[in-house]
Amino acid sequence: MTERYDAIVVGVGGVGSAATYHLADRGLDVLGIERFDVPHTRGSSHGSTRVIRRVQHEGAAYVPLVERAYELWRDLETRTGRDLLCVTGSVHTGPPEVGVVADAREACDAHDVPYETLSAGEVNERFPGYDLPGAFRALYQPDGGYLACEQCTVAHVEAAHDAGATVRGRERVLDWSETTDGVRVRTDKGRYAADELVVTAGPWTRDLVPGLADHAVPVRAVMAWLRPDRPEWFAPDRFPVFVLRDEEGGGYGFPQHDVPGFKLGVSDPTPVVDPDAMDREPTRAEEELHRRFAERYFPAGAGPTVGLSTCLWTMSGDEHFLLGRPDGHDAVTVGAGFSGHGFKFASVTGEVLADLAAEGETGHEIGAFDVNRV
């Protein structure tokens, strides 16, 4: 027997859960298929928190999307009664020659996002958990913060259920094909048909959409939690989320939330990995890399290690998103290549994918992220 739906979403992580919700909220009969648990720790949507910020040093094209993302996260909080978004402010910082502050300022100015330009000393005085070198400059924006990422996925699935969607965990898609009336999907538990297929499978997208195999590349990343010596300096009301770039690459970080430690990640290029076979145990060298970063810039946060975790980023060639209907497909829409900075947008990229699957177009400006550019 083949069950029939209006739309099938493959991959119910951060973006896929949002797409499932937005499709169901429009009255479509939706099936979400997730090969692991909902939520799970095998992809890119775990680890307690993810940064959200109005400042988009990656490019001004992201600013309208993140503005809408804020609205949708707040709507989801209201709908589900869950606390998902905590505002702490955000700091972009680095030496002038690196350019991250200039890039952040340019994106803010293009869309009238308010901000303050601060010296390193001003940052350190205002936020004593920071200890930036004197040559650093910084841009502070008061609306940045973090999302409780796993709770965001849960909230989107709860809202999707309330809207009539079906979500199946622990079910692996084996193959799919387009037909004259939509798509057929075969899993290790059943067969399904639908008018539209949405693929949001993170690092497994390359297996499901072979044309993207060279353009949605999984890499391994590590997150660390260190116990601060001065935990009061790393509380959400005293420690803004940050993006720091230096001559070695830099990193990003958060105040304490959920886990008893200051969370940070260090930019450390990794080779392409097989998401099914990679080593998921962080190494001592990776732990020490994060500790050195904390000791250099956030010494009061560099206490004993509380935890380490690995995750997968799916990198596009230019590190911009891949959104849309790939050429040659009539009933397939893809969201991929979020390149380590996509979770904050999940609420709106889910809306975009629902627009494209249900209507064939979207009112959001996504030309810079068209999947067919690759």
Protein backbone atom coordinates (compact mmCIF):
# COMPACT_ATOMS: atom_id res chain seq x y z
CA MET A 1 0.00 0.00 0.00
CA THR A 2 1.22 3.52 -0.86
CA GLU A 3 0.09 6.34 1.42
CA ARG A 4 -0.61 9.62 -0.38
CA TYR A 5 0.16 13.12 0.89
CA ASP A 6 0.20 16.64 -0.51
CA ALA A 7 3.85 17.05 0.49
CA ILE A 8 6.65 14.97 1.99
CA VAL A 9 9.57 16.55 3.86
CA VAL A 10 12.71 14.43 4.14
CA GLY A 11 14.81 15.46 7.14
CA VAL A 12 13.00 16.89 10.18
CA GLY A 13 15.81 18.85 11.80
CA GLY A 14 15.94 22.61 12.28
CA VAL A 15 14.87 23.62 8.77
CA GLY A 16 12.83 20.51 7.93
CA SER A 17 10.70 20.79 11.06
CA ALA A 18 9.94 24.41 10.14
CA ALA A 19 9.04 23.46 6.54
CA THR A 20 6.77 20.68 7.83
CA TYR A 21 5.01 23.14 10.10
CA HIS A 22 4.57 25.88 7.49
CA LEU A 23 3.20 23.42 4.92
CA ALA A 24 0.75 21.91 7.41
CA ASP A 25 -0.29 25.34 8.65
CA ARG A 26 -1.49 26.10 5.11
CA GLY A 27 -3.84 23.14 5.24
CA LEU A 28 -1.69 20.66 3.31
CA ASP A 29 -1.55 17.00 4.27
CA VAL A 30 2.15 16.66 5.15
CA LEU A 31 4.44 13.78 6.04
CA GLY A 32 7.81 14.49 7.66
CA ILE A 33 10.34 11.64 7.57
CA GLU A 34 13.37 11.65 9.87
CA ARG A 35 15.93 8.83 9.84
CA PHE A 36 16.99 9.50 13.45
CA ASP A 37 15.14 10.74 16.55
CA VAL A 38 13.19 14.00 16.71
CA PRO A 39 15.25 15.92 17.76
CA HIS A 40 18.60 14.15 17.39
CA THR A 41 22.33 14.82 17.81
CA ARG A 42 23.63 13.48 14.50
CA GLY A 43 23.39 16.61 12.36
CA SER A 44 23.51 20.40 12.82
CA SER A 45 20.61 21.23 15.13
CA HIS A 46 21.75 20.19 18.61
CA GLY A 47 24.07 21.41 21.33
CA SER A 48 21.69 23.49 23.45
CA THR A 49 22.01 26.88 21.70
CA ARG A 50 22.49 28.60 18.36
CA VAL A 51 23.28 32.28 17.75
CA ILE A 52 20.68 34.63 16.32
CA ARG A 53 21.72 38.15 15.33
CA ARG A 54 20.46 40.99 13.21
CA VAL A 55 24.06 41.72 12.24
CA GLN A 56 24.91 39.72 9.11
CA HIS A 57 28.60 40.08 8.29
CA GLU A 58 28.06 37.31 5.73
CA GLY A 59 26.20 39.77 3.51
CA ALA A 60 23.37 42.29 3.46
CA ALA A 61 21.12 39.86 1.54
CA TYR A 62 20.64 37.94 4.79
CA VAL A 63 19.25 40.86 6.80
CA PRO A 64 15.63 40.80 5.52
CA LEU A 65 15.53 37.05 6.08
CA VAL A 66 16.74 37.30 9.65
CA GLU A 67 14.28 40.09 10.40
CA ARG A 68 11.46 37.77 9.32
CA ALA A 69 13.07 34.91 11.26
CA TYR A 70 12.81 36.92 14.48
CA GLU A 71 9.08 37.46 13.85
CA LEU A 72 8.48 33.79 13.17
CA TRP A 73 10.40 32.59 16.24
CA ARG A 74 8.30 34.87 18.42
CA ASP A 75 5.14 33.61 16.70
CA LEU A 76 6.22 30.03 17.40
CA GLU A 77 6.82 30.87 21.07
CA THR A 78 3.28 32.25 21.30
CA ARG A 79 1.81 29.25 19.52
CA THR A 80 3.58 26.60 21.60
CA GLY A 81 4.14 28.34 24.93
CA ARG A 82 7.86 27.54 24.79
CA ASP A 83 10.72 29.97 25.51
CA LEU A 84 12.90 29.75 22.42
CA LEU A 85 14.74 33.07 21.91
CA CYS A 86 16.81 34.85 24.55
CA VAL A 87 18.10 38.36 23.77
CA THR A 88 21.61 39.10 25.05
CA GLY A 89 22.97 41.52 22.46
CA SER A 90 25.68 40.52 19.99
CA VAL A 91 29.33 41.54 19.53
CA HIS A 92 31.31 41.28 16.30
CA THR A 93 34.98 41.88 16.95
CA GLY A 94 38.49 41.51 15.59
CA PRO A 95 41.54 43.49 14.50
CA PRO A 96 40.90 46.06 11.75
CA GLU A 97 42.85 44.13 9.13
CA VAL A 98 40.52 41.11 9.39
CA GLY A 99 37.50 43.13 8.31
CA VAL A 100 34.67 41.41 10.18
CA VAL A 101 33.59 44.65 11.87
CA ALA A 102 33.61 46.53 8.57
CA ASP A 103 31.54 43.79 6.92
CA ALA A 104 29.08 43.83 9.82
CA ARG A 105 28.77 47.62 9.66
CA GLU A 106 28.15 47.54 5.92
CA ALA A 107 25.29 45.05 6.25
CA CYS A 108 23.73 47.03 9.11
CA ASP A 109 23.95 50.32 7.22
CA ALA A 110 22.32 48.77 4.14
CA HIS A 111 19.19 47.95 6.15
CA ASP A 112 19.20 50.61 8.90
CA VAL A 113 20.02 48.13 11.67
CA PRO A 114 21.07 50.16 14.74
CA TYR A 115 24.44 49.42 16.37
CA GLU A 116 27.28 50.87 18.42
CA THR A 117 30.96 50.89 17.43
CA LEU A 118 33.11 50.16 20.48
CA SER A 119 36.79 49.93 21.30
CA ALA A 120 38.18 46.80 22.92
CA GLY A 121 38.43 48.62 26.24
CA GLU A 122 34.80 49.70 26.08
CA VAL A 123 33.69 46.13 25.40
CA ASN A 124 35.80 44.76 28.25
CA GLU A 125 34.49 47.36 30.68
CA ARG A 126 30.85 46.85 29.73
CA PHE A 127 31.06 43.04 29.56
CA PRO A 128 33.78 41.84 31.98
CA GLY A 129 33.71 38.26 30.66
CA TYR A 130 35.51 39.65 27.59
CA ASP A 131 39.24 40.43 27.54
CA LEU A 132 39.84 41.71 24.00
CA PRO A 133 43.27 42.98 22.87
CA GLY A 134 43.64 46.73 22.62
CA ALA A 135 43.89 46.72 18.82
CA PHE A 136 40.50 45.06 18.39
CA ARG A 137 37.43 46.98 17.32
CA ALA A 138 33.86 45.86 17.90
CA LEU A 139 30.29 46.35 16.75
CA TYR A 140 27.60 45.84 19.37
CA GLN A 141 23.95 45.29 18.42
CA PRO A 142 21.36 44.95 21.21
CA ASP A 143 18.94 42.51 19.54
CA GLY A 144 21.28 39.54 19.15
CA GLY A 145 20.95 36.47 21.32
CA TYR A 146 20.51 32.74 21.13
CA LEU A 147 17.91 30.13 20.27
CA ALA A 148 17.30 27.00 22.32
CA CYS A 149 17.87 24.95 19.18
CA GLU A 150 16.56 21.53 20.17
CA GLN A 151 13.47 23.12 21.71
CA CYS A 152 12.93 25.03 18.46
CA THR A 153 12.77 21.75 16.54
CA VAL A 154 10.41 20.27 19.12
CA ALA A 155 8.21 23.37 18.95
CA HIS A 156 7.98 23.26 15.15
CA VAL A 157 7.03 19.57 15.25
CA GLU A 158 4.44 20.19 17.97
CA ALA A 159 2.94 23.01 15.91
CA ALA A 160 3.02 20.80 12.79
CA HIS A 161 1.20 18.04 14.67
CA ASP A 162 -1.41 20.53 15.85
CA ALA A 163 -1.89 21.55 12.20
CA GLY A 164 -2.45 17.93 11.15
CA ALA A 165 1.00 16.83 9.94
CA THR A 166 2.40 13.33 10.42
CA VAL A 167 6.05 13.04 11.49
CA ARG A 168 7.80 9.67 11.45
CA GLY A 169 11.15 9.24 13.24
CA ARG A 170 13.57 6.34 12.93
CA GLU A 171 12.65 5.83 9.29
CA ARG A 172 15.24 6.02 6.53
CA VAL A 173 14.52 7.07 2.95
CA LEU A 174 16.01 4.49 0.59
CA ASP A 175 15.16 6.17 -2.70
CA TRP A 176 12.67 8.43 -4.42
CA SER A 177 11.55 9.20 -7.96
CA GLU A 178 9.48 11.77 -9.77
CA THR A 179 6.35 10.62 -11.56
CA THR A 180 3.78 12.22 -13.80
CA ASP A 181 1.74 13.22 -10.75
CA GLY A 182 4.43 14.09 -8.22
CA VAL A 183 6.89 11.88 -6.38
CA ARG A 184 7.22 8.39 -4.93
CA VAL A 185 9.32 7.79 -1.80
CA ARG A 186 10.48 4.40 -0.54
CA THR A 187 11.75 3.96 3.01
CA ASP A 188 12.84 1.05 5.14
CA LYS A 189 9.30 1.01 6.59
CA GLY A 190 6.94 1.93 3.78
CA ARG A 191 6.08 3.55 0.47
CA TYR A 192 4.60 7.03 0.05
CA ALA A 193 3.45 9.33 -2.72
CA ALA A 194 2.99 13.10 -2.78
CA ASP A 195 2.52 16.07 -5.06
CA GLU A 196 5.72 17.69 -3.72
CA LEU A 197 8.97 16.58 -2.10
CA VAL A 198 11.05 18.88 0.12
CA VAL A 199 14.60 17.72 0.90
CA THR A 200 16.13 19.20 4.05
CA ALA A 201 18.44 16.35 4.98
CA GLY A 202 21.55 18.31 5.97
CA PRO A 203 24.72 16.33 5.26
CA TRP A 204 22.67 13.50 3.76
CA THR A 205 21.28 15.79 1.05
CA ARG A 206 24.16 14.81 -1.23
CA ASP A 207 22.91 11.18 -1.12
CA LEU A 208 19.32 12.13 -1.89
CA VAL A 209 20.06 14.77 -4.55
CA PRO A 210 23.21 13.53 -6.34
CA GLY A 211 23.47 16.72 -8.40
CA LEU A 212 24.41 18.53 -5.18
CA ALA A 213 27.05 16.03 -4.09
CA ASP A 214 29.88 18.47 -4.86
CA HIS A 215 28.02 21.52 -3.55
CA ALA A 216 26.60 20.43 -0.16
CA VAL A 217 29.68 19.06 1.55
CA PRO A 218 29.63 17.76 5.16
CA VAL A 219 32.41 18.83 7.51
CA ARG A 220 32.95 18.08 11.18
CA ALA A 221 32.80 20.82 13.81
CA VAL A 222 33.28 20.79 17.59
CA MET A 223 31.60 22.74 20.38
CA ALA A 224 32.98 23.11 23.91
CA TRP A 225 31.56 24.08 27.30
CA LEU A 226 33.97 25.39 29.95
CA ARG A 227 33.09 26.19 33.55
CA PRO A 228 33.77 29.92 34.16
CA ASP A 229 35.84 31.02 37.13
CA ARG A 230 33.44 33.98 37.33
CA PRO A 231 30.10 32.48 36.28
CA GLU A 232 28.23 35.70 37.04
CA TRP A 233 30.10 37.36 34.15
CA PHE A 234 28.79 34.72 31.74
CA ALA A 235 25.09 34.97 32.58
CA PRO A 236 22.76 35.88 29.68
CA ASP A 237 22.16 39.38 31.06
CA ARG A 238 25.91 40.17 31.19
CA PHE A 239 27.46 38.29 28.30
CA PRO A 240 26.42 38.98 24.68
CA VAL A 241 26.84 36.28 22.06
CA PHE A 242 29.89 36.96 19.93
CA VAL A 243 31.54 36.44 16.57
CA LEU A 244 35.32 36.97 16.78
CA ARG A 245 37.68 36.83 13.83
CA ASP A 246 41.47 36.96 14.11
CA GLU A 247 44.51 35.94 12.12
CA GLU A 248 43.94 32.28 13.07
CA GLY A 249 40.28 32.21 12.10
CA GLY A 250 38.50 33.04 15.33
CA GLY A 251 35.37 31.64 16.91
CA TYR A 252 31.92 32.29 18.34
CA GLY A 253 30.27 31.84 21.72
CA PHE A 254 27.36 32.13 24.14
CA PRO A 255 26.53 32.82 27.76
CA GLN A 256 25.66 29.91 30.03
CA HIS A 257 22.36 28.25 29.18
CA ASP A 258 21.03 24.81 30.06
CA VAL A 259 24.56 23.38 30.41
CA PRO A 260 26.73 24.59 33.36
CA GLY A 261 29.38 26.11 31.15
CA PHE A 262 30.36 28.92 28.78
CA LYS A 263 29.84 27.58 25.24
CA LEU A 264 32.22 28.35 22.39
CA GLY A 265 33.21 27.07 19.00
CA VAL A 266 36.51 27.71 17.24
CA SER A 267 36.86 28.08 13.49
CA ASP A 268 39.03 25.12 12.55
CA PRO A 269 38.80 23.90 8.95
CA THR A 270 38.08 20.20 8.77
CA PRO A 271 38.25 17.75 5.89
CA VAL A 272 35.15 16.43 4.20
CA VAL A 273 33.64 13.62 6.24
CA ASP A 274 31.23 10.75 5.71
CA PRO A 275 28.31 11.62 8.02
CA ASP A 276 27.65 7.94 8.66
CA ALA A 277 31.23 6.97 9.42
CA MET A 278 32.91 10.02 10.96
CA ASP A 279 34.41 9.88 14.45
CA ARG A 280 31.93 11.61 16.72
CA GLU A 281 34.19 11.65 19.78
CA PRO A 282 35.99 15.00 20.26
CA THR A 283 39.75 14.70 20.66
CA ARG A 284 42.11 16.07 23.30
CA ALA A 285 43.65 18.33 20.64
CA GLU A 286 40.22 19.81 19.85
CA GLU A 287 39.59 20.39 23.53
CA GLU A 288 42.92 22.20 23.87
CA LEU A 289 42.24 24.30 20.76
CA HIS A 290 39.05 25.62 22.38
CA ARG A 291 40.75 26.13 25.71
CA ARG A 292 43.54 28.23 24.16
CA PHE A 293 40.94 30.42 22.45
CA ALA A 294 39.07 30.95 25.72
CA GLU A 295 42.28 31.68 27.64
CA ARG A 296 43.27 34.26 25.03
CA TYR A 297 40.02 36.22 24.81
CA PHE A 298 37.74 35.08 27.69
CA PRO A 299 40.13 34.00 30.48
CA ALA A 300 37.50 34.18 33.23
CA GLY A 301 35.54 31.59 31.26
CA ALA A 302 38.40 29.14 30.76
CA GLY A 303 37.78 26.87 33.75
CA PRO A 304 37.44 23.09 33.76
CA THR A 305 35.89 21.41 30.73
CA VAL A 306 32.21 20.63 31.26
CA GLY A 307 31.46 19.10 27.88
CA LEU A 308 32.43 18.65 24.25
CA SER A 309 30.26 17.74 21.29
CA THR A 310 30.62 17.25 17.55
CA CYS A 311 28.20 18.37 14.88
CA LEU A 312 28.08 18.47 11.10
CA TRP A 313 28.05 21.57 8.94
CA THR A 314 26.98 21.20 5.33
CA MET A 315 29.09 23.68 3.39
CA SER A 316 28.24 25.14 0.01
CA GLY A 317 31.13 26.28 -2.19
CA ASP A 318 30.56 29.97 -1.47
CA GLU A 319 29.14 29.36 2.05
CA HIS A 320 25.76 30.78 1.06
CA PHE A 321 22.51 28.83 1.29
CA LEU A 322 21.13 26.57 -1.44
CA LEU A 323 17.39 27.11 -1.76
CA GLY A 324 14.92 26.30 -4.50
CA ARG A 325 13.82 23.80 -7.10
CA PRO A 326 16.84 22.27 -8.87
CA ASP A 327 16.80 22.46 -12.66
CA GLY A 328 15.35 19.31 -14.18
CA HIS A 329 12.95 18.65 -11.29
CA ASP A 330 9.26 19.47 -11.40
CA ALA A 331 8.20 18.44 -7.89
CA VAL A 332 11.30 18.73 -5.72
CA THR A 333 12.46 21.64 -3.54
CA VAL A 334 15.76 21.69 -1.64
CA GLY A 335 17.09 23.53 1.39
CA ALA A 336 20.79 22.77 1.91
CA GLY A 337 24.30 24.19 2.28
CA PHE A 338 23.58 26.23 5.41
CA SER A 339 27.34 26.34 6.05
CA GLY A 340 27.37 26.60 9.82
CA HIS A 341 25.26 29.76 10.06
CA GLY A 342 21.80 28.57 9.04
CA PHE A 343 19.94 27.63 12.21
CA LYS A 344 18.95 31.18 13.12
CA PHE A 345 17.12 31.34 9.78
CA ALA A 346 15.32 28.00 10.14
CA SER A 347 11.95 29.57 10.87
CA VAL A 348 12.06 31.66 7.70
CA THR A 349 13.82 29.17 5.41
CA GLY A 350 11.08 26.73 6.39
CA GLU A 351 8.57 29.35 5.28
CA VAL A 352 10.47 29.91 2.02
CA LEU A 353 10.53 26.19 1.22
CA ALA A 354 6.81 25.93 1.99
CA ASP A 355 6.16 28.87 -0.35
CA LEU A 356 8.12 27.22 -3.15
CA ALA A 357 6.56 23.79 -2.69
CA ALA A 358 2.99 24.99 -2.27
CA GLU A 359 2.92 28.03 -4.56
CA GLY A 360 5.94 27.69 -6.83
CA GLU A 361 7.27 31.08 -5.72
CA THR A 362 8.05 33.12 -2.63
CA GLY A 363 7.80 36.76 -1.68
CA HIS A 364 11.18 36.57 0.04
CA GLU A 365 14.18 37.77 -1.93
CA ILE A 366 16.31 34.64 -2.30
CA GLY A 367 18.11 35.27 -5.57
CA ALA A 368 21.50 35.16 -3.86
CA PHE A 369 20.67 31.69 -2.54
CA ASP A 370 19.26 30.07 -5.69
CA VAL A 371 20.25 26.41 -5.73
CA ASN A 372 20.77 26.56 -9.48
CA ARG A 373 23.71 28.98 -9.22
CA VAL A 374 25.88 25.92 -8.55
